[in-house]
Amino acid sequence: MKRSVLIVGGGPAGLLLASHFREHGIDYRVLERGKIAQAWRAMRPGMVLLSPAVPGTDWTSLTLRHPIWALPKVRRPFPTREDFLCYVEAFAREQGLNVAENTAVTRVSADPGGFAVSTTDGEESCRFLVLASGASTAPAFPDVPGIARNPHVVHSCDFIHCAAYAGKRVLIVGGGNSAAEIAIELAGTATVTMCTRGPVRYFSETGDLEHIRGSSESVLKELFRFGIVRMREDDPVVSVAHRRVRFRSGDEHEYDWILCATGYRPKCIPLEGGDLRTDPGGYPAISAVGETTVPGLYACGSLARFNRRCAFIHGFRNYVEKVFWDIADRL
């Protein structure tokens, strides 16, 4: 049976798109490689979402008819990762969404009139295919000599608890949200240094969402001011040899651990029979309605960069609807 739509990814964007198809009686199925919102399950335990979720200022809910703050015991105004996972599971269950869990897509072939999709659970086919697999598929490491396969280098996604770093010298590479929150958590437990490749900007000064530095910007600034966390601003790592790190300034120091809070990159599914063009960051090139350079293949959620704010849930929420209506009009 050829379905009208297959959606790859059971995270917030995939589930929101699925709810639109369900409401309008369009045949669809969501393919999720693990459990619902598997990419979120792989994120750091206790992580705080920095988009507010309260009545009147809700940047985190998938729909305002089913808001996250209506769930009991959700942390306000900023929910945790655990809160959000409970929310998306409840959303999928209450909406009765057709989600095939533990079904990873291994290959896609563009055929006349649609797509053939190979999964770990068998073969599927569809007329339209939507990639909603998110932009946090593969941890990104700096392209620095000595980083790859270095046993003293870890990614922020593998950071669990500060106890493992007690009394250690830790270099945090990066200056974003994860870097800031890990630095705050490690402060006083480990000897912490942060280094960035450019000047550090703060949300309180610029109002730019990309300049949010963790859930407590003022605490981070105080840690820098008192020297509890050392800051090497605009002084990136240029080479690593075992534990020894050389910075652009020429300084060299040894660390027990080098923790890269340097984000993620999307990972595209192998595609045959179509020319899927991507930008230098690995994001698909898309039209104003989310269609890629392969006819009938769409991207939505954080994988679809309609604008910079699509990295946030409230940024891609409205664009999911654009993807839906374009597909619905063509069915």
C-alpha atoms as a PDB file:
ATOM      1  CA  MET A   1       0.000   0.000   0.000  1.00  0.00           C
ATOM      2  CA  LYS A   2       1.336   3.420  -0.949  1.00  0.00           C
ATOM      3  CA  ARG A   3       0.598   5.929   1.790  1.00  0.00           C
ATOM      4  CA  SER A   4      -0.096   9.553   1.032  1.00  0.00           C
ATOM      5  CA  VAL A   5       2.602  10.773   3.423  1.00  0.00           C
ATOM      6  CA  LEU A   6       5.437   9.296   5.434  1.00  0.00           C
ATOM      7  CA  ILE A   7       7.097  11.446   8.100  1.00  0.00           C
ATOM      8  CA  VAL A   8      10.635  10.566   9.186  1.00  0.00           C
ATOM      9  CA  GLY A   9      11.071  11.597  12.808  1.00  0.00           C
ATOM     10  CA  GLY A  10       8.753  11.432  15.816  1.00  0.00           C
ATOM     11  CA  GLY A  11       9.929  14.599  17.543  1.00  0.00           C
ATOM     12  CA  PRO A  12       7.939  17.812  18.053  1.00  0.00           C
ATOM     13  CA  ALA A  13       7.823  18.815  14.365  1.00  0.00           C
ATOM     14  CA  GLY A  14       6.918  15.347  13.100  1.00  0.00           C
ATOM     15  CA  LEU A  15       4.187  14.935  15.699  1.00  0.00           C
ATOM     16  CA  LEU A  16       2.737  18.388  15.049  1.00  0.00           C
ATOM     17  CA  LEU A  17       2.642  17.729  11.297  1.00  0.00           C
ATOM     18  CA  ALA A  18       1.053  14.322  11.935  1.00  0.00           C
ATOM     19  CA  SER A  19      -1.693  15.930  14.017  1.00  0.00           C
ATOM     20  CA  HIS A  20      -2.580  18.214  11.060  1.00  0.00           C
ATOM     21  CA  PHE A  21      -2.827  15.218   8.706  1.00  0.00           C
ATOM     22  CA  ARG A  22      -4.945  13.297  11.230  1.00  0.00           C
ATOM     23  CA  GLU A  23      -7.341  16.217  11.691  1.00  0.00           C
ATOM     24  CA  HIS A  24      -7.899  16.438   7.936  1.00  0.00           C
ATOM     25  CA  GLY A  25      -8.247  12.694   7.325  1.00  0.00           C
ATOM     26  CA  ILE A  26      -5.073  12.361   5.243  1.00  0.00           C
ATOM     27  CA  ASP A  27      -3.338   8.981   5.295  1.00  0.00           C
ATOM     28  CA  TYR A  28       0.089   9.258   6.968  1.00  0.00           C
ATOM     29  CA  ARG A  29       2.548   7.402   9.160  1.00  0.00           C
ATOM     30  CA  VAL A  30       5.408   8.611  11.369  1.00  0.00           C
ATOM     31  CA  LEU A  31       8.623   6.579  11.382  1.00  0.00           C
ATOM     32  CA  GLU A  32      10.702   7.045  14.559  1.00  0.00           C
ATOM     33  CA  ARG A  33      14.101   5.361  14.943  1.00  0.00           C
ATOM     34  CA  GLY A  34      13.614   4.885  18.707  1.00  0.00           C
ATOM     35  CA  LYS A  35      10.908   5.914  21.109  1.00  0.00           C
ATOM     36  CA  ILE A  36       8.912   9.086  20.537  1.00  0.00           C
ATOM     37  CA  ALA A  37      11.248  12.112  20.565  1.00  0.00           C
ATOM     38  CA  GLN A  38      14.322   9.875  20.665  1.00  0.00           C
ATOM     39  CA  ALA A  39      16.694  12.767  19.970  1.00  0.00           C
ATOM     40  CA  TRP A  40      15.407  14.521  23.100  1.00  0.00           C
ATOM     41  CA  ARG A  41      15.969  11.374  25.154  1.00  0.00           C
ATOM     42  CA  ALA A  42      19.636  11.523  24.183  1.00  0.00           C
ATOM     43  CA  MET A  43      19.993  15.062  25.526  1.00  0.00           C
ATOM     44  CA  ARG A  44      21.537  15.869  28.879  1.00  0.00           C
ATOM     45  CA  PRO A  45      19.326  14.876  31.863  1.00  0.00           C
ATOM     46  CA  GLY A  46      17.961  17.865  33.746  1.00  0.00           C
ATOM     47  CA  MET A  47      18.477  20.218  30.794  1.00  0.00           C
ATOM     48  CA  VAL A  48      16.265  23.301  31.031  1.00  0.00           C
ATOM     49  CA  LEU A  49      14.433  24.620  27.967  1.00  0.00           C
ATOM     50  CA  LEU A  50      15.051  28.344  27.646  1.00  0.00           C
ATOM     51  CA  SER A  51      11.776  29.087  25.851  1.00  0.00           C
ATOM     52  CA  PRO A  52       9.014  30.072  28.304  1.00  0.00           C
ATOM     53  CA  ALA A  53       5.897  27.952  28.678  1.00  0.00           C
ATOM     54  CA  VAL A  54       3.222  29.776  30.664  1.00  0.00           C
ATOM     55  CA  PRO A  55      -0.243  31.062  29.709  1.00  0.00           C
ATOM     56  CA  GLY A  56       0.159  34.157  27.567  1.00  0.00           C
ATOM     57  CA  THR A  57       3.851  33.568  26.813  1.00  0.00           C
ATOM     58  CA  ASP A  58       4.147  30.066  25.439  1.00  0.00           C
ATOM     59  CA  TRP A  59       7.078  29.384  23.123  1.00  0.00           C
ATOM     60  CA  THR A  60       7.348  25.657  23.885  1.00  0.00           C
ATOM     61  CA  SER A  61       3.958  24.027  23.301  1.00  0.00           C
ATOM     62  CA  LEU A  62       3.196  22.320  19.994  1.00  0.00           C
ATOM     63  CA  THR A  63      -0.299  23.808  19.921  1.00  0.00           C
ATOM     64  CA  LEU A  64      -2.058  26.224  22.226  1.00  0.00           C
ATOM     65  CA  ARG A  65      -5.012  23.808  22.340  1.00  0.00           C
ATOM     66  CA  HIS A  66      -2.699  21.240  23.944  1.00  0.00           C
ATOM     67  CA  PRO A  67      -0.220  23.358  25.948  1.00  0.00           C
ATOM     68  CA  ILE A  68       2.636  21.953  27.987  1.00  0.00           C
ATOM     69  CA  TRP A  69       1.786  24.086  31.002  1.00  0.00           C
ATOM     70  CA  ALA A  70      -1.561  22.259  31.323  1.00  0.00           C
ATOM     71  CA  LEU A  71       0.297  19.097  32.349  1.00  0.00           C
ATOM     72  CA  PRO A  72       0.565  18.717  36.128  1.00  0.00           C
ATOM     73  CA  LYS A  73       3.903  19.459  37.844  1.00  0.00           C
ATOM     74  CA  VAL A  74       5.584  21.002  34.783  1.00  0.00           C
ATOM     75  CA  ARG A  75       8.371  23.337  35.880  1.00  0.00           C
ATOM     76  CA  ARG A  76       7.479  26.963  35.170  1.00  0.00           C
ATOM     77  CA  PRO A  77       8.269  29.163  33.388  1.00  0.00           C
ATOM     78  CA  PHE A  78      11.023  27.049  31.801  1.00  0.00           C
ATOM     79  CA  PRO A  79      10.274  23.298  31.546  1.00  0.00           C
ATOM     80  CA  THR A  80      12.951  20.634  31.794  1.00  0.00           C
ATOM     81  CA  ARG A  81      13.845  18.025  29.202  1.00  0.00           C
ATOM     82  CA  GLU A  82      11.921  15.484  31.275  1.00  0.00           C
ATOM     83  CA  ASP A  83       8.835  17.732  31.315  1.00  0.00           C
ATOM     84  CA  PHE A  84       8.991  18.064  27.548  1.00  0.00           C
ATOM     85  CA  LEU A  85       9.342  14.328  26.975  1.00  0.00           C
ATOM     86  CA  CYS A  86       6.244  13.690  29.113  1.00  0.00           C
ATOM     87  CA  TYR A  87       4.440  16.365  27.124  1.00  0.00           C
ATOM     88  CA  VAL A  88       5.193  15.021  23.629  1.00  0.00           C
ATOM     89  CA  GLU A  89       4.339  11.475  24.716  1.00  0.00           C
ATOM     90  CA  ALA A  90       1.017  12.697  26.094  1.00  0.00           C
ATOM     91  CA  PHE A  91       0.408  14.731  22.912  1.00  0.00           C
ATOM     92  CA  ALA A  92       0.948  11.694  20.660  1.00  0.00           C
ATOM     93  CA  ARG A  93      -1.195   9.461  22.866  1.00  0.00           C
ATOM     94  CA  GLU A  94      -4.106  11.881  23.279  1.00  0.00           C
ATOM     95  CA  GLN A  95      -4.107  12.708  19.555  1.00  0.00           C
ATOM     96  CA  GLY A  96      -3.994   9.028  18.631  1.00  0.00           C
ATOM     97  CA  LEU A  97      -1.135   9.627  16.223  1.00  0.00           C
ATOM     98  CA  ASN A  98       0.091   6.824  13.965  1.00  0.00           C
ATOM     99  CA  VAL A  99       3.717   6.494  15.083  1.00  0.00           C
ATOM    100  CA  ALA A 100       5.874   3.454  14.298  1.00  0.00           C
ATOM    101  CA  GLU A 101       8.511   3.425  17.045  1.00  0.00           C
ATOM    102  CA  ASN A 102      11.849   1.614  16.787  1.00  0.00           C
ATOM    103  CA  THR A 103      11.615   1.897  13.008  1.00  0.00           C
ATOM    104  CA  ALA A 104      14.715   3.541  11.569  1.00  0.00           C
ATOM    105  CA  VAL A 105      14.813   4.626   7.938  1.00  0.00           C
ATOM    106  CA  THR A 106      17.908   3.209   6.247  1.00  0.00           C
ATOM    107  CA  ARG A 107      17.440   4.256   2.618  1.00  0.00           C
ATOM    108  CA  VAL A 108      15.129   6.307   0.429  1.00  0.00           C
ATOM    109  CA  SER A 109      14.629   5.968  -3.309  1.00  0.00           C
ATOM    110  CA  ALA A 110      12.805   8.573  -5.377  1.00  0.00           C
ATOM    111  CA  ASP A 111      10.520   6.704  -7.749  1.00  0.00           C
ATOM    112  CA  PRO A 112       7.994   7.958 -10.321  1.00  0.00           C
ATOM    113  CA  GLY A 113       5.055   9.300  -8.352  1.00  0.00           C
ATOM    114  CA  GLY A 114       6.635   8.988  -4.920  1.00  0.00           C
ATOM    115  CA  PHE A 115       9.246   7.314  -2.770  1.00  0.00           C
ATOM    116  CA  ALA A 116      10.291   3.829  -1.715  1.00  0.00           C
ATOM    117  CA  VAL A 117      11.483   3.812   1.885  1.00  0.00           C
ATOM    118  CA  SER A 118      13.547   1.042   3.443  1.00  0.00           C
ATOM    119  CA  THR A 119      13.306   0.697   7.217  1.00  0.00           C
ATOM    120  CA  THR A 120      14.545  -1.694   9.869  1.00  0.00           C
ATOM    121  CA  ASP A 121      10.996  -3.043   9.945  1.00  0.00           C
ATOM    122  CA  GLY A 122      10.509  -3.562   6.205  1.00  0.00           C
ATOM    123  CA  GLU A 123       9.648  -1.597   3.069  1.00  0.00           C
ATOM    124  CA  GLU A 124       7.218   1.324   2.784  1.00  0.00           C
ATOM    125  CA  SER A 125       6.122   3.576  -0.059  1.00  0.00           C
ATOM    126  CA  CYS A 126       4.517   7.001  -0.175  1.00  0.00           C
ATOM    127  CA  ARG A 127       3.600   9.845  -2.490  1.00  0.00           C
ATOM    128  CA  PHE A 128       5.123  12.549  -0.267  1.00  0.00           C
ATOM    129  CA  LEU A 129       7.981  12.173   2.188  1.00  0.00           C
ATOM    130  CA  VAL A 130       8.757  14.634   4.999  1.00  0.00           C
ATOM    131  CA  LEU A 131      12.082  14.757   6.813  1.00  0.00           C
ATOM    132  CA  ALA A 132      11.459  15.851  10.403  1.00  0.00           C
ATOM    133  CA  SER A 133      14.490  14.147  11.908  1.00  0.00           C
ATOM    134  CA  GLY A 134      15.855  17.299  13.526  1.00  0.00           C
ATOM    135  CA  ALA A 135      19.164  19.114  13.370  1.00  0.00           C
ATOM    136  CA  SER A 136      20.735  17.404  16.397  1.00  0.00           C
ATOM    137  CA  THR A 137      21.462  14.020  14.859  1.00  0.00           C
ATOM    138  CA  ALA A 138      25.263  13.971  14.937  1.00  0.00           C
ATOM    139  CA  PRO A 139      27.480  15.650  17.588  1.00  0.00           C
ATOM    140  CA  ALA A 140      29.767  18.224  15.970  1.00  0.00           C
ATOM    141  CA  PHE A 141      33.409  18.506  16.990  1.00  0.00           C
ATOM    142  CA  PRO A 142      35.800  21.326  16.073  1.00  0.00           C
ATOM    143  CA  ASP A 143      37.957  20.687  13.032  1.00  0.00           C
ATOM    144  CA  VAL A 144      41.143  20.910  15.093  1.00  0.00           C
ATOM    145  CA  PRO A 145      44.196  18.639  14.826  1.00  0.00           C
ATOM    146  CA  GLY A 146      44.298  16.170  17.720  1.00  0.00           C
ATOM    147  CA  ILE A 147      40.571  16.281  18.581  1.00  0.00           C
ATOM    148  CA  ALA A 148      39.490  13.192  16.653  1.00  0.00           C
ATOM    149  CA  ARG A 149      39.868   9.870  18.489  1.00  0.00           C
ATOM    150  CA  ASN A 150      41.418  11.613  21.496  1.00  0.00           C
ATOM    151  CA  PRO A 151      40.348   9.698  24.649  1.00  0.00           C
ATOM    152  CA  HIS A 152      40.419  12.921  26.684  1.00  0.00           C
ATOM    153  CA  VAL A 153      37.875  14.655  24.420  1.00  0.00           C
ATOM    154  CA  VAL A 154      34.124  14.277  25.005  1.00  0.00           C
ATOM    155  CA  HIS A 155      31.059  15.991  23.590  1.00  0.00           C
ATOM    156  CA  SER A 156      28.585  17.872  25.783  1.00  0.00           C
ATOM    157  CA  CYS A 157      25.895  15.320  24.884  1.00  0.00           C
ATOM    158  CA  ASP A 158      27.891  12.757  26.904  1.00  0.00           C
ATOM    159  CA  PHE A 159      28.088  14.956  30.007  1.00  0.00           C
ATOM    160  CA  ILE A 160      26.033  13.335  32.769  1.00  0.00           C
ATOM    161  CA  HIS A 161      27.045  14.672  36.177  1.00  0.00           C
ATOM    162  CA  CYS A 162      29.711  16.904  37.646  1.00  0.00           C
ATOM    163  CA  ALA A 163      30.855  14.189  40.083  1.00  0.00           C
ATOM    164  CA  ALA A 164      32.818  12.463  37.307  1.00  0.00           C
ATOM    165  CA  TYR A 165      34.978  15.588  36.954  1.00  0.00           C
ATOM    166  CA  ALA A 166      35.614  16.349  40.631  1.00  0.00           C
ATOM    167  CA  GLY A 167      39.074  17.809  41.135  1.00  0.00           C
ATOM    168  CA  LYS A 168      39.856  17.638  37.399  1.00  0.00           C
ATOM    169  CA  ARG A 169      41.053  20.338  35.018  1.00  0.00           C
ATOM    170  CA  VAL A 170      38.292  20.779  32.443  1.00  0.00           C
ATOM    171  CA  LEU A 171      38.395  22.864  29.281  1.00  0.00           C
ATOM    172  CA  ILE A 172      34.976  23.654  27.823  1.00  0.00           C
ATOM    173  CA  VAL A 173      35.182  24.481  24.126  1.00  0.00           C
ATOM    174  CA  GLY A 174      32.270  26.693  23.087  1.00  0.00           C
ATOM    175  CA  GLY A 175      30.254  29.607  24.428  1.00  0.00           C
ATOM    176  CA  GLY A 176      26.606  28.682  23.850  1.00  0.00           C
ATOM    177  CA  ASN A 177      23.850  27.397  26.137  1.00  0.00           C
ATOM    178  CA  SER A 178      25.344  23.973  26.787  1.00  0.00           C
ATOM    179  CA  ALA A 179      28.795  25.403  27.466  1.00  0.00           C
ATOM    180  CA  ALA A 180      27.368  27.953  29.896  1.00  0.00           C
ATOM    181  CA  GLU A 181      25.195  25.501  31.816  1.00  0.00           C
ATOM    182  CA  ILE A 182      27.933  22.877  32.120  1.00  0.00           C
ATOM    183  CA  ALA A 183      30.391  25.543  33.301  1.00  0.00           C
ATOM    184  CA  ILE A 184      27.934  26.616  36.003  1.00  0.00           C
ATOM    185  CA  GLU A 185      27.361  23.026  37.076  1.00  0.00           C
ATOM    186  CA  LEU A 186      31.092  22.222  37.233  1.00  0.00           C
ATOM    187  CA  ALA A 187      32.081  25.438  39.021  1.00  0.00           C
ATOM    188  CA  GLY A 188      33.522  24.659  42.456  1.00  0.00           C
ATOM    189  CA  THR A 189      33.794  20.950  41.652  1.00  0.00           C
ATOM    190  CA  ALA A 190      36.382  21.089  38.865  1.00  0.00           C
ATOM    191  CA  THR A 191      38.916  23.654  37.705  1.00  0.00           C
ATOM    192  CA  VAL A 192      37.038  25.045  34.718  1.00  0.00           C
ATOM    193  CA  THR A 193      38.165  27.061  31.712  1.00  0.00           C
ATOM    194  CA  MET A 194      35.927  28.124  28.825  1.00  0.00           C
ATOM    195  CA  CYS A 195      37.257  29.172  25.448  1.00  0.00           C
ATOM    196  CA  THR A 196      35.381  30.698  22.535  1.00  0.00           C
ATOM    197  CA  ARG A 197      36.282  31.377  18.918  1.00  0.00           C
ATOM    198  CA  GLY A 198      34.855  34.903  19.019  1.00  0.00           C
ATOM    199  CA  PRO A 199      33.578  37.614  21.364  1.00  0.00           C
ATOM    200  CA  VAL A 200      30.848  36.547  23.818  1.00  0.00           C
ATOM    201  CA  ARG A 201      27.492  38.305  23.528  1.00  0.00           C
ATOM    202  CA  TYR A 202      24.696  38.177  26.095  1.00  0.00           C
ATOM    203  CA  PHE A 203      20.928  38.197  25.618  1.00  0.00           C
ATOM    204  CA  SER A 204      20.497  40.884  28.288  1.00  0.00           C
ATOM    205  CA  GLU A 205      22.621  43.194  26.151  1.00  0.00           C
ATOM    206  CA  THR A 206      21.482  42.330  22.621  1.00  0.00           C
ATOM    207  CA  GLY A 207      18.015  40.786  22.936  1.00  0.00           C
ATOM    208  CA  ASP A 208      19.086  38.172  20.377  1.00  0.00           C
ATOM    209  CA  LEU A 209      17.906  34.638  21.196  1.00  0.00           C
ATOM    210  CA  GLU A 210      21.172  33.236  19.860  1.00  0.00           C
ATOM    211  CA  HIS A 211      22.980  35.092  22.645  1.00  0.00           C
ATOM    212  CA  ILE A 212      21.226  33.314  25.526  1.00  0.00           C
ATOM    213  CA  ARG A 213      23.977  31.923  27.749  1.00  0.00           C
ATOM    214  CA  GLY A 214      22.377  29.258  29.881  1.00  0.00           C
ATOM    215  CA  SER A 215      19.475  29.583  32.287  1.00  0.00           C
ATOM    216  CA  SER A 216      21.349  32.006  34.570  1.00  0.00           C
ATOM    217  CA  GLU A 217      23.394  34.559  32.680  1.00  0.00           C
ATOM    218  CA  SER A 218      24.095  36.587  35.819  1.00  0.00           C
ATOM    219  CA  VAL A 219      25.567  33.545  37.601  1.00  0.00           C
ATOM    220  CA  LEU A 220      27.872  32.868  34.664  1.00  0.00           C
ATOM    221  CA  LYS A 221      29.093  36.468  34.667  1.00  0.00           C
ATOM    222  CA  GLU A 222      29.811  36.286  38.401  1.00  0.00           C
ATOM    223  CA  LEU A 223      31.784  33.068  37.945  1.00  0.00           C
ATOM    224  CA  PHE A 224      33.920  34.836  35.357  1.00  0.00           C
ATOM    225  CA  ARG A 225      34.285  37.948  37.521  1.00  0.00           C
ATOM    226  CA  PHE A 226      35.535  36.009  40.551  1.00  0.00           C
ATOM    227  CA  GLY A 227      37.756  33.746  38.463  1.00  0.00           C
ATOM    228  CA  ILE A 228      35.917  30.598  39.547  1.00  0.00           C
ATOM    229  CA  VAL A 229      35.527  29.838  35.857  1.00  0.00           C
ATOM    230  CA  ARG A 230      38.326  31.173  33.678  1.00  0.00           C
ATOM    231  CA  MET A 231      37.339  32.645  30.340  1.00  0.00           C
ATOM    232  CA  ARG A 232      39.525  32.597  27.230  1.00  0.00           C
ATOM    233  CA  GLU A 233      37.356  34.821  25.048  1.00  0.00           C
ATOM    234  CA  ASP A 234      38.128  34.942  21.323  1.00  0.00           C
ATOM    235  CA  ASP A 235      40.997  32.493  21.897  1.00  0.00           C
ATOM    236  CA  PRO A 236      40.032  29.172  20.300  1.00  0.00           C
ATOM    237  CA  VAL A 237      41.890  25.870  20.389  1.00  0.00           C
ATOM    238  CA  VAL A 238      44.185  25.409  17.393  1.00  0.00           C
ATOM    239  CA  SER A 239      45.722  22.021  18.231  1.00  0.00           C
ATOM    240  CA  VAL A 240      45.561  19.241  20.803  1.00  0.00           C
ATOM    241  CA  ALA A 241      48.228  16.689  21.652  1.00  0.00           C
ATOM    242  CA  HIS A 242      46.950  14.114  24.141  1.00  0.00           C
ATOM    243  CA  ARG A 243      45.979  16.394  27.077  1.00  0.00           C
ATOM    244  CA  ARG A 244      47.985  19.420  25.978  1.00  0.00           C
ATOM    245  CA  VAL A 245      46.044  22.221  24.282  1.00  0.00           C
ATOM    246  CA  ARG A 246      47.448  25.071  22.251  1.00  0.00           C
ATOM    247  CA  PHE A 247      45.359  28.229  21.818  1.00  0.00           C
ATOM    248  CA  ARG A 248      45.397  30.834  19.058  1.00  0.00           C
ATOM    249  CA  SER A 249      47.134  33.261  21.404  1.00  0.00           C
ATOM    250  CA  GLY A 250      50.077  30.845  21.584  1.00  0.00           C
ATOM    251  CA  ASP A 251      49.408  29.759  25.185  1.00  0.00           C
ATOM    252  CA  GLU A 252      49.602  26.061  25.975  1.00  0.00           C
ATOM    253  CA  HIS A 253      48.007  24.242  28.929  1.00  0.00           C
ATOM    254  CA  GLU A 254      47.206  20.689  29.976  1.00  0.00           C
ATOM    255  CA  TYR A 255      43.706  19.534  30.909  1.00  0.00           C
ATOM    256  CA  ASP A 256      42.323  16.271  32.211  1.00  0.00           C
ATOM    257  CA  TRP A 257      39.227  16.610  30.024  1.00  0.00           C
ATOM    258  CA  ILE A 258      38.372  18.635  26.919  1.00  0.00           C
ATOM    259  CA  LEU A 259      34.612  18.984  26.692  1.00  0.00           C
ATOM    260  CA  CYS A 260      33.281  20.163  23.324  1.00  0.00           C
ATOM    261  CA  ALA A 261      29.991  22.054  23.627  1.00  0.00           C
ATOM    262  CA  THR A 262      30.040  22.736  19.909  1.00  0.00           C
ATOM    263  CA  GLY A 263      26.575  21.727  18.821  1.00  0.00           C
ATOM    264  CA  TYR A 264      25.326  19.200  16.316  1.00  0.00           C
ATOM    265  CA  ARG A 265      24.971  18.624  12.600  1.00  0.00           C
ATOM    266  CA  PRO A 266      22.036  17.095  10.737  1.00  0.00           C
ATOM    267  CA  LYS A 267      22.565  13.671   9.249  1.00  0.00           C
ATOM    268  CA  CYS A 268      20.831  13.035   5.943  1.00  0.00           C
ATOM    269  CA  ILE A 269      19.323   9.694   5.012  1.00  0.00           C
ATOM    270  CA  PRO A 270      20.911   8.048   1.930  1.00  0.00           C
ATOM    271  CA  LEU A 271      18.825   9.049  -1.095  1.00  0.00           C
ATOM    272  CA  GLU A 272      18.797   7.446  -4.542  1.00  0.00           C
ATOM    273  CA  GLY A 273      17.244   8.888  -7.656  1.00  0.00           C
ATOM    274  CA  GLY A 274      17.206  12.527  -6.623  1.00  0.00           C
ATOM    275  CA  ASP A 275      19.512  15.513  -6.155  1.00  0.00           C
ATOM    276  CA  LEU A 276      19.073  16.649  -2.556  1.00  0.00           C
ATOM    277  CA  ARG A 277      21.058  19.862  -2.265  1.00  0.00           C
ATOM    278  CA  THR A 278      22.290  21.067   1.101  1.00  0.00           C
ATOM    279  CA  ASP A 279      23.988  24.183   2.444  1.00  0.00           C
ATOM    280  CA  PRO A 280      27.500  24.164   3.979  1.00  0.00           C
ATOM    281  CA  GLY A 281      26.011  23.275   7.365  1.00  0.00           C
ATOM    282  CA  GLY A 282      24.302  20.166   5.997  1.00  0.00           C
ATOM    283  CA  TYR A 283      20.761  21.621   6.027  1.00  0.00           C
ATOM    284  CA  PRO A 284      18.538  20.871   3.002  1.00  0.00           C
ATOM    285  CA  ALA A 285      17.916  23.701   0.577  1.00  0.00           C
ATOM    286  CA  ILE A 286      14.148  24.338   0.728  1.00  0.00           C
ATOM    287  CA  SER A 287      11.437  26.409  -0.914  1.00  0.00           C
ATOM    288  CA  ALA A 288       9.133  28.827   0.907  1.00  0.00           C
ATOM    289  CA  VAL A 289       6.869  25.868   1.765  1.00  0.00           C
ATOM    290  CA  GLY A 290       9.612  23.460   2.821  1.00  0.00           C
ATOM    291  CA  GLU A 291      10.010  21.405  -0.356  1.00  0.00           C
ATOM    292  CA  THR A 292      13.588  20.333  -1.042  1.00  0.00           C
ATOM    293  CA  THR A 293      15.289  20.152  -4.432  1.00  0.00           C
ATOM    294  CA  VAL A 294      13.781  16.656  -4.797  1.00  0.00           C
ATOM    295  CA  PRO A 295      10.102  17.050  -5.858  1.00  0.00           C
ATOM    296  CA  GLY A 296       7.748  15.690  -3.197  1.00  0.00           C
ATOM    297  CA  LEU A 297      10.440  15.562  -0.519  1.00  0.00           C
ATOM    298  CA  TYR A 298       9.938  18.099   2.266  1.00  0.00           C
ATOM    299  CA  ALA A 299      11.780  19.160   5.409  1.00  0.00           C
ATOM    300  CA  CYS A 300      10.240  20.637   8.539  1.00  0.00           C
ATOM    301  CA  GLY A 301      11.154  21.419  12.126  1.00  0.00           C
ATOM    302  CA  SER A 302      14.664  22.403  13.100  1.00  0.00           C
ATOM    303  CA  LEU A 303      15.999  20.604  10.007  1.00  0.00           C
ATOM    304  CA  ALA A 304      14.280  23.186   7.787  1.00  0.00           C
ATOM    305  CA  ARG A 305      15.985  26.564   8.110  1.00  0.00           C
ATOM    306  CA  PHE A 306      13.253  28.927   6.971  1.00  0.00           C
ATOM    307  CA  ASN A 307      14.981  31.416   9.270  1.00  0.00           C
ATOM    308  CA  ARG A 308      17.401  31.383  12.223  1.00  0.00           C
ATOM    309  CA  ARG A 309      14.608  31.055  14.758  1.00  0.00           C
ATOM    310  CA  CYS A 310      13.659  27.652  13.356  1.00  0.00           C
ATOM    311  CA  ALA A 311      16.258  26.244  15.741  1.00  0.00           C
ATOM    312  CA  PHE A 312      13.576  26.837  18.415  1.00  0.00           C
ATOM    313  CA  ILE A 313      10.151  25.202  18.692  1.00  0.00           C
ATOM    314  CA  HIS A 314       8.270  28.498  18.487  1.00  0.00           C
ATOM    315  CA  GLY A 315      10.347  29.346  15.421  1.00  0.00           C
ATOM    316  CA  PHE A 316       9.317  26.341  13.321  1.00  0.00           C
ATOM    317  CA  ARG A 317       5.786  25.864  14.673  1.00  0.00           C
ATOM    318  CA  ASN A 318       4.060  28.010  12.028  1.00  0.00           C
ATOM    319  CA  TYR A 319       6.204  26.645   9.198  1.00  0.00           C
ATOM    320  CA  VAL A 320       5.018  23.090   9.910  1.00  0.00           C
ATOM    321  CA  GLU A 321       1.577  24.323   8.888  1.00  0.00           C
ATOM    322  CA  LYS A 322       2.973  25.655   5.590  1.00  0.00           C
ATOM    323  CA  VAL A 323       4.409  22.205   4.824  1.00  0.00           C
ATOM    324  CA  PHE A 324       1.072  20.612   5.676  1.00  0.00           C
ATOM    325  CA  TRP A 325      -1.022  22.870   3.455  1.00  0.00           C
ATOM    326  CA  ASP A 326       1.285  22.528   0.453  1.00  0.00           C
ATOM    327  CA  ILE A 327       1.097  18.726   0.645  1.00  0.00           C
ATOM    328  CA  ALA A 328      -2.642  18.743   1.358  1.00  0.00           C
ATOM    329  CA  ASP A 329      -3.313  20.966  -1.679  1.00  0.00           C
ATOM    330  CA  ARG A 330      -1.403  18.529  -3.920  1.00  0.00           C
ATOM    331  CA  LEU A 331      -3.197  15.377  -2.728  1.00  0.00           C
END
